[in-house]
Amino acid sequence: MGCFVSTPKDSGGKRRRPGNIGEVAVFVPGLRIPKPVDFSESLGDHLCKSLVERLSALRTRIVVMAGQEAPSITRTRRRSATQHGGSTLGDLLQALEDYLPVLLGLVKDGSPLQHKVQFTWINQEDDSEEMGMYSAWYEVLSVLHLMAALSLSQANLLLLPRTSTDGYLPKVSEESRRSAIDILLKAAGYLDCAVRHILPQLPPELRRDLPVDLAEGVLRALCLQALGQGVDIQLGLAIDSTKATLAVKRRLACEMVKYWQQAQDNITNLPLANGWGEKHRFYIKWKYIEAKAGAYYYHGLILDEGNTEKSHGMAVSALQAADEYLKESKRACEAFNTAVPLSRIMETAPTLPDFALALKPDEYQLPDVDASWNHENANKGHHKD
């Protein structure tokens, strides 16, 4: 059960990839958007007409919105971000949230209906093939991935500096930064749910055939990226606070290193040869190196507070490492922006202290199956097998 179909994307007409996606505060993967499905043909003999029509209406709304808005979402610049980008993302997220509980009826209690419909999705931004599977769990996985991508887009918009009305340089408000943390934790929650609860529902042969966008390593890397960027924002807020101690800043900086290192470990060996996937890998390497620069800087400042010759020597070594990582992070940033392979990562500095990670994904639970399925079960005897 659960056969799949893979079709080159240009069979449906060429889509233009953006030559420049503008400023990036949060890297967003290429958006995967759904293609139309005829539920009446696949489920007309198995479900009541009203439920088939509801599934169709909810999914068609997503298909239309994603098809029209995904290109503008990806290419959103600072100006449009302040006008309509946020509302577009919110509307599409709401449409997905409305669809998900009704969709879950197809997989409830191992229902054979989960194999009746071929669901097809395509990456809007990359040269990957479109992928269709006769699996409602594949559809659930794709929905959660899109919800996470849209949340990352929302966080990106919040973190792009906006021109202030008082004539000062563009900046990001504290309110926007705190809102971005909440959204990043939601994105991490969707991805964590996908990895822990949805992927295990797919048989091994289907998991092997998933597009690389939905590979477990990519999903885990995106989840860890969201958490790492949440800590990054927390560190920025601590730097701006007169109450935050050096110890707090060092702890946050060291936590950030661990998140980015784990993200890199998950994505390093995946076949991301080109396009959005390759750029994602460059981004994670850049942020990992940048995080190390910050961690060694604050570690060096604390070591320098010691009164011994040994602690002073270690502080000098740590601060030198921070300087080298900072230089390398600038090269890595350029590599990300131009898609050139990243430079080497130095490993000659003293060992960083090991702090427990504080941020965890929000616990996201799939919604209850829509109540309309209760009426369907009551009338099950009136429908054909």
Protein backbone atom coordinates (compact mmCIF):
# COMPACT_ATOMS: atom_id res chain seq x y z
CA MET A 1 0.00 0.00 0.00
CA GLY A 2 1.05 3.61 -0.44
CA CYS A 3 2.53 3.64 -3.94
CA PHE A 4 4.19 6.85 -5.00
CA VAL A 5 4.64 8.78 -8.19
CA SER A 6 7.59 11.06 -8.88
CA THR A 7 7.33 13.47 -11.79
CA PRO A 8 9.82 16.09 -13.01
CA LYS A 9 8.46 19.46 -12.05
CA ASP A 10 8.78 20.96 -15.52
CA SER A 11 6.08 18.62 -16.79
CA GLY A 12 3.58 21.08 -15.34
CA GLY A 13 5.21 24.19 -16.71
CA LYS A 14 8.29 26.14 -15.71
CA ARG A 15 8.40 28.03 -12.42
CA ARG A 16 10.85 30.86 -11.98
CA ARG A 17 13.20 30.60 -9.04
CA PRO A 18 13.98 33.92 -7.35
CA GLY A 19 17.40 35.25 -8.25
CA ASN A 20 17.62 37.15 -4.96
CA ILE A 21 15.61 36.43 -1.82
CA GLY A 22 16.75 39.62 -0.11
CA GLU A 23 17.82 39.85 3.51
CA VAL A 24 17.68 36.70 5.60
CA ALA A 25 17.38 36.74 9.39
CA VAL A 26 15.93 33.20 9.59
CA PHE A 27 16.60 30.72 6.82
CA VAL A 28 13.36 29.33 5.39
CA PRO A 29 13.41 26.11 3.32
CA GLY A 30 11.88 26.05 -0.13
CA LEU A 31 8.12 26.00 0.31
CA ARG A 32 6.44 22.73 -0.64
CA ILE A 33 2.94 23.39 -1.97
CA PRO A 34 0.11 20.93 -2.69
CA LYS A 35 -1.35 20.11 -6.08
CA PRO A 36 -5.11 19.59 -6.54
CA VAL A 37 -6.78 16.33 -5.48
CA ASP A 38 -10.14 14.92 -6.56
CA PHE A 39 -11.52 13.52 -3.31
CA SER A 40 -14.88 12.61 -4.87
CA GLU A 41 -13.25 10.20 -7.31
CA SER A 42 -11.18 8.48 -4.60
CA LEU A 43 -13.56 8.63 -1.63
CA GLY A 44 -17.00 9.13 -3.17
CA ASP A 45 -17.94 5.48 -2.64
CA HIS A 46 -16.58 5.37 0.92
CA LEU A 47 -17.68 8.61 2.63
CA CYS A 48 -20.80 10.72 2.79
CA LYS A 49 -21.01 13.53 0.28
CA SER A 50 -20.81 16.29 2.90
CA LEU A 51 -17.52 15.00 4.32
CA VAL A 52 -15.99 14.59 0.87
CA GLU A 53 -17.05 18.13 0.01
CA ARG A 54 -15.59 19.46 3.26
CA LEU A 55 -12.23 17.79 2.63
CA SER A 56 -12.23 19.15 -0.92
CA ALA A 57 -13.12 22.68 0.12
CA LEU A 58 -10.51 22.87 2.87
CA ARG A 59 -7.71 21.50 0.74
CA THR A 60 -8.65 23.51 -2.34
CA ARG A 61 -8.43 26.65 -0.25
CA ILE A 62 -4.84 25.73 0.66
CA VAL A 63 -3.94 24.86 -2.94
CA VAL A 64 -5.24 28.19 -4.22
CA MET A 65 -3.69 30.28 -1.45
CA ALA A 66 -0.33 28.52 -1.63
CA GLY A 67 -0.19 28.72 -5.41
CA GLN A 68 -0.94 32.43 -5.42
CA GLU A 69 0.97 33.55 -2.35
CA ALA A 70 3.97 31.22 -1.98
CA PRO A 71 6.13 33.08 -4.54
CA SER A 72 5.46 36.44 -2.87
CA ILE A 73 6.08 34.94 0.57
CA THR A 74 9.48 33.65 -0.45
CA ARG A 75 10.48 36.85 -2.19
CA THR A 76 9.12 39.18 0.50
CA ARG A 77 11.35 42.20 1.04
CA ARG A 78 11.40 44.59 3.93
CA ARG A 79 8.83 46.94 2.44
CA SER A 80 6.20 44.32 1.72
CA ALA A 81 6.90 42.64 5.04
CA THR A 82 5.42 45.64 6.81
CA GLN A 83 2.38 45.74 4.54
CA HIS A 84 0.89 42.33 3.86
CA GLY A 85 3.50 39.58 4.28
CA GLY A 86 2.53 38.76 7.85
CA SER A 87 -1.21 38.54 7.18
CA THR A 88 -0.65 36.31 4.15
CA LEU A 89 1.36 33.88 6.24
CA GLY A 90 -1.22 33.92 9.01
CA ASP A 91 -4.11 33.22 6.64
CA LEU A 92 -2.34 30.26 5.06
CA LEU A 93 -1.36 28.89 8.47
CA GLN A 94 -4.98 29.13 9.59
CA ALA A 95 -6.14 27.29 6.48
CA LEU A 96 -3.72 24.45 7.27
CA GLU A 97 -4.86 24.32 10.89
CA ASP A 98 -8.49 24.10 9.73
CA TYR A 99 -7.69 21.26 7.32
CA LEU A 100 -5.56 19.10 9.60
CA PRO A 101 -8.24 17.73 12.01
CA VAL A 102 -10.49 16.77 9.09
CA LEU A 103 -7.58 15.15 7.26
CA LEU A 104 -6.74 13.06 10.34
CA GLY A 105 -9.99 11.19 9.91
CA LEU A 106 -8.41 9.37 6.97
CA VAL A 107 -5.79 7.80 9.24
CA LYS A 108 -7.92 7.28 12.35
CA ASP A 109 -7.55 3.80 13.85
CA GLY A 110 -5.51 2.61 10.88
CA SER A 111 -8.36 3.26 8.44
CA PRO A 112 -7.83 1.81 4.94
CA LEU A 113 -8.97 5.18 3.62
CA GLN A 114 -5.44 6.43 4.25
CA HIS A 115 -4.34 4.63 1.06
CA LYS A 116 -7.21 5.69 -1.22
CA VAL A 117 -6.04 9.17 -2.23
CA GLN A 118 -2.89 10.19 -4.05
CA PHE A 119 -1.54 13.37 -2.46
CA THR A 120 1.00 15.32 -4.51
CA TRP A 121 3.26 18.15 -3.37
CA ILE A 122 5.99 20.07 -5.14
CA ASN A 123 8.85 22.28 -3.97
CA GLN A 124 8.05 25.79 -5.13
CA GLU A 125 11.63 27.02 -5.04
CA ASP A 126 13.96 24.18 -5.96
CA ASP A 127 14.67 21.93 -8.92
CA SER A 128 13.43 18.85 -7.09
CA GLU A 129 10.73 16.60 -8.54
CA GLU A 130 7.12 16.69 -7.45
CA MET A 131 6.17 13.75 -5.27
CA GLY A 132 2.83 11.99 -5.01
CA MET A 133 1.98 9.19 -2.59
CA TYR A 134 -1.12 7.17 -1.83
CA SER A 135 -0.67 7.94 1.84
CA ALA A 136 -2.63 10.28 4.08
CA TRP A 137 0.28 10.20 6.54
CA TYR A 138 2.45 11.72 3.79
CA GLU A 139 -0.16 14.46 3.53
CA VAL A 140 -0.07 15.06 7.29
CA LEU A 141 3.74 15.21 7.19
CA SER A 142 3.64 17.69 4.31
CA VAL A 143 1.10 19.86 6.12
CA LEU A 144 3.26 20.04 9.26
CA HIS A 145 6.34 20.85 7.17
CA LEU A 146 4.50 23.73 5.49
CA MET A 147 3.21 24.98 8.85
CA ALA A 148 6.80 25.03 10.14
CA ALA A 149 8.11 26.77 7.01
CA LEU A 150 5.44 29.45 7.26
CA SER A 151 6.26 29.98 10.94
CA LEU A 152 9.94 30.38 10.10
CA SER A 153 8.88 32.94 7.47
CA GLN A 154 6.91 34.83 10.11
CA ALA A 155 9.93 34.88 12.41
CA ASN A 156 12.11 36.07 9.54
CA LEU A 157 9.78 39.01 8.86
CA LEU A 158 9.75 39.98 12.53
CA LEU A 159 13.55 39.99 12.69
CA LEU A 160 14.21 42.09 9.60
CA PRO A 161 15.14 45.64 10.72
CA ARG A 162 12.44 48.19 10.02
CA THR A 163 12.96 51.88 9.41
CA SER A 164 11.93 53.80 12.51
CA THR A 165 9.72 56.87 12.42
CA ASP A 166 12.17 58.88 14.55
CA GLY A 167 14.82 58.93 11.84
CA TYR A 168 17.22 56.52 13.54
CA LEU A 169 18.78 53.52 11.82
CA PRO A 170 16.50 50.53 11.07
CA LYS A 171 16.11 48.26 14.08
CA VAL A 172 14.19 45.31 15.46
CA SER A 173 12.02 46.06 18.47
CA GLU A 174 12.17 44.03 21.66
CA GLU A 175 8.52 43.12 21.17
CA SER A 176 9.26 41.72 17.70
CA ARG A 177 12.20 39.73 19.02
CA ARG A 178 10.17 38.19 21.84
CA SER A 179 7.33 37.36 19.42
CA ALA A 180 9.85 35.74 17.10
CA ILE A 181 11.03 33.44 19.92
CA ASP A 182 7.46 32.21 20.50
CA ILE A 183 6.98 31.58 16.77
CA LEU A 184 10.31 29.74 16.47
CA LEU A 185 9.29 27.44 19.33
CA LYS A 186 6.02 26.70 17.53
CA ALA A 187 7.92 25.89 14.35
CA ALA A 188 10.18 23.57 16.33
CA GLY A 189 7.08 21.94 17.82
CA TYR A 190 5.58 21.17 14.39
CA LEU A 191 8.87 19.65 13.23
CA ASP A 192 9.39 17.69 16.44
CA CYS A 193 5.87 16.26 16.09
CA ALA A 194 6.62 15.32 12.47
CA VAL A 195 9.78 13.44 13.45
CA ARG A 196 8.47 11.72 16.58
CA HIS A 197 4.87 10.96 15.63
CA ILE A 198 4.36 11.12 11.86
CA LEU A 199 7.48 9.66 10.24
CA PRO A 200 7.15 6.42 12.27
CA GLN A 201 3.68 5.91 10.72
CA LEU A 202 5.20 5.59 7.25
CA PRO A 203 6.53 2.16 6.25
CA PRO A 204 10.29 1.98 5.55
CA GLU A 205 9.86 1.80 1.77
CA LEU A 206 7.87 5.04 1.74
CA ARG A 207 10.28 6.79 4.10
CA ARG A 208 13.13 5.93 1.75
CA ASP A 209 11.23 7.49 -1.15
CA LEU A 210 10.37 10.76 0.61
CA PRO A 211 11.82 13.90 -0.99
CA VAL A 212 14.93 15.11 0.78
CA ASP A 213 12.94 18.10 2.11
CA LEU A 214 11.11 15.62 4.35
CA ALA A 215 14.10 13.47 5.30
CA GLU A 216 14.41 12.95 9.04
CA GLY A 217 17.79 14.68 9.14
CA VAL A 218 16.44 17.80 7.43
CA LEU A 219 13.42 17.95 9.74
CA ARG A 220 15.62 17.55 12.82
CA ALA A 221 18.06 20.17 11.53
CA LEU A 222 15.22 22.66 10.98
CA CYS A 223 13.88 21.97 14.48
CA LEU A 224 17.32 22.52 16.04
CA GLN A 225 17.83 25.60 13.87
CA ALA A 226 14.60 27.09 15.23
CA LEU A 227 15.73 26.41 18.80
CA GLY A 228 19.23 27.75 18.12
CA GLN A 229 17.81 30.95 16.68
CA GLY A 230 15.53 31.28 19.68
CA VAL A 231 18.59 31.22 21.95
CA ASP A 232 20.34 33.64 19.59
CA ILE A 233 17.52 36.14 20.15
CA GLN A 234 17.64 35.52 23.91
CA LEU A 235 21.35 36.30 23.87
CA GLY A 236 20.68 39.50 21.97
CA LEU A 237 18.12 40.53 24.57
CA ALA A 238 20.60 39.70 27.36
CA ILE A 239 23.28 41.82 25.68
CA ASP A 240 20.85 44.75 25.62
CA SER A 241 19.91 44.25 29.27
CA THR A 242 21.86 45.92 32.05
CA LYS A 243 20.79 43.15 34.44
CA ALA A 244 22.17 40.17 32.49
CA THR A 245 25.49 38.93 33.88
CA LEU A 246 28.44 37.62 31.90
CA ALA A 247 27.61 34.14 33.21
CA VAL A 248 24.11 34.34 31.71
CA LYS A 249 25.47 35.51 28.37
CA ARG A 250 28.09 32.73 28.33
CA ARG A 251 25.48 30.10 29.14
CA LEU A 252 23.23 31.26 26.31
CA ALA A 253 26.16 31.45 23.89
CA CYS A 254 27.28 27.92 24.76
CA GLU A 255 23.74 26.56 24.44
CA MET A 256 23.55 28.13 21.00
CA VAL A 257 26.72 26.32 19.92
CA LYS A 258 25.22 22.97 20.92
CA TYR A 259 21.98 23.56 19.01
CA TRP A 260 23.82 24.57 15.83
CA GLN A 261 26.30 21.72 16.15
CA GLN A 262 23.46 19.21 16.45
CA ALA A 263 21.73 20.82 13.46
CA GLN A 264 24.90 20.46 11.44
CA ASP A 265 25.34 16.83 12.52
CA ASN A 266 21.85 16.04 11.23
CA ILE A 267 22.28 17.64 7.83
CA THR A 268 25.94 17.02 6.99
CA ASN A 269 25.61 13.66 5.24
CA LEU A 270 22.34 14.25 3.41
CA PRO A 271 22.35 14.44 -0.42
CA LEU A 272 21.73 18.19 -0.64
CA ALA A 273 23.65 18.67 -3.87
CA ASN A 274 22.18 21.97 -5.02
CA GLY A 275 19.47 24.58 -4.64
CA TRP A 276 17.67 25.32 -1.39
CA GLY A 277 19.10 22.31 0.41
CA GLU A 278 22.69 23.27 -0.31
CA LYS A 279 22.01 26.83 0.82
CA HIS A 280 20.47 25.48 4.03
CA ARG A 281 23.65 23.54 4.79
CA PHE A 282 25.78 26.65 4.20
CA TYR A 283 23.51 28.61 6.53
CA ILE A 284 23.82 26.12 9.38
CA LYS A 285 27.60 26.01 9.06
CA TRP A 286 27.77 29.80 9.11
CA LYS A 287 25.57 30.08 12.21
CA TYR A 288 27.54 27.32 13.95
CA ILE A 289 30.84 29.15 13.41
CA GLU A 290 29.28 32.46 14.42
CA ALA A 291 27.92 30.89 17.61
CA LYS A 292 31.36 29.58 18.52
CA ALA A 293 32.82 33.05 18.12
CA GLY A 294 30.31 34.41 20.65
CA ALA A 295 30.75 31.52 23.06
CA TYR A 296 34.54 31.82 23.17
CA TYR A 297 34.29 35.58 23.57
CA TYR A 298 32.13 35.36 26.70
CA HIS A 299 34.10 32.37 28.00
CA GLY A 300 37.28 34.40 27.62
CA LEU A 301 35.82 37.37 29.48
CA ILE A 302 34.88 35.17 32.43
CA LEU A 303 38.25 33.40 32.46
CA ASP A 304 39.93 36.81 32.48
CA GLU A 305 38.20 37.56 35.79
CA GLY A 306 40.34 34.86 37.41
CA ASN A 307 43.38 35.88 39.46
CA THR A 308 45.79 33.18 38.32
CA GLU A 309 48.30 33.17 35.51
CA LYS A 310 46.71 30.00 34.15
CA SER A 311 43.23 31.55 33.93
CA HIS A 312 44.67 34.63 32.24
CA GLY A 313 46.46 32.46 29.69
CA MET A 314 43.28 30.50 28.98
CA ALA A 315 41.36 33.76 28.62
CA VAL A 316 43.84 35.02 26.02
CA SER A 317 43.55 31.71 24.14
CA ALA A 318 39.74 31.83 24.24
CA LEU A 319 39.59 35.44 23.05
CA GLN A 320 42.02 34.67 20.24
CA ALA A 321 39.78 31.76 19.25
CA ALA A 322 36.76 34.06 19.30
CA ASP A 323 38.56 36.45 16.97
CA GLU A 324 39.46 33.66 14.55
CA TYR A 325 35.93 32.26 14.57
CA LEU A 326 34.56 35.74 13.96
CA LYS A 327 36.76 36.13 10.89
CA GLU A 328 35.75 32.69 9.69
CA SER A 329 32.08 33.39 10.30
CA LYS A 330 32.30 36.41 8.01
CA ARG A 331 33.73 34.19 5.27
CA ALA A 332 31.03 31.61 5.97
CA CYS A 333 28.35 34.29 5.75
CA GLU A 334 29.66 35.31 2.36
CA ALA A 335 29.71 31.66 1.31
CA PHE A 336 26.07 31.35 2.30
CA ASN A 337 25.08 34.44 0.43
CA THR A 338 26.94 33.38 -2.75
CA ALA A 339 26.49 29.59 -2.45
CA VAL A 340 30.27 29.03 -2.37
CA PRO A 341 31.50 26.06 -0.13
CA LEU A 342 32.32 27.06 3.44
CA SER A 343 35.85 27.42 4.86
CA ARG A 344 37.39 25.11 7.47
CA ILE A 345 36.33 25.14 11.12
CA MET A 346 39.07 25.54 13.67
CA GLU A 347 39.19 23.23 16.69
CA THR A 348 42.29 24.52 18.55
CA ALA A 349 40.69 26.52 21.36
CA PRO A 350 40.08 25.36 24.95
CA THR A 351 37.03 23.23 25.68
CA LEU A 352 33.83 25.17 26.30
CA PRO A 353 31.84 24.53 29.48
CA ASP A 354 28.92 22.14 28.99
CA PHE A 355 25.52 23.68 29.88
CA ALA A 356 22.23 21.80 29.80
CA LEU A 357 19.99 22.98 26.98
CA ALA A 358 17.07 25.02 28.29
CA LEU A 359 14.79 25.55 25.28
CA LYS A 360 12.60 22.66 24.17
CA PRO A 361 10.08 22.47 21.33
CA ASP A 362 6.54 23.41 22.28
CA GLU A 363 4.60 20.18 22.75
CA TYR A 364 2.38 20.08 19.68
CA GLN A 365 -0.38 17.48 19.66
CA LEU A 366 -2.38 16.70 16.59
CA PRO A 367 -5.96 17.98 16.94
CA ASP A 368 -8.84 15.60 17.62
CA VAL A 369 -10.46 14.11 14.57
CA ASP A 370 -13.23 16.40 13.34
CA ALA A 371 -16.67 15.68 14.77
CA SER A 372 -18.12 15.14 11.30
CA TRP A 373 -16.48 11.72 11.28
CA ASN A 374 -18.76 10.61 14.12
CA HIS A 375 -21.75 10.99 11.81
CA GLU A 376 -19.86 9.14 9.10
CA ASN A 377 -19.24 6.15 11.39
CA ALA A 378 -22.92 6.07 12.30
CA ASN A 379 -23.87 5.91 8.64
CA LYS A 380 -21.08 3.55 7.61
CA GLY A 381 -23.45 0.73 6.83
CA HIS A 382 -25.10 2.77 4.09
CA HIS A 383 -21.96 3.09 2.00
CA LYS A 384 -20.14 0.68 -0.23
CA ASP A 385 -16.87 -0.92 0.73
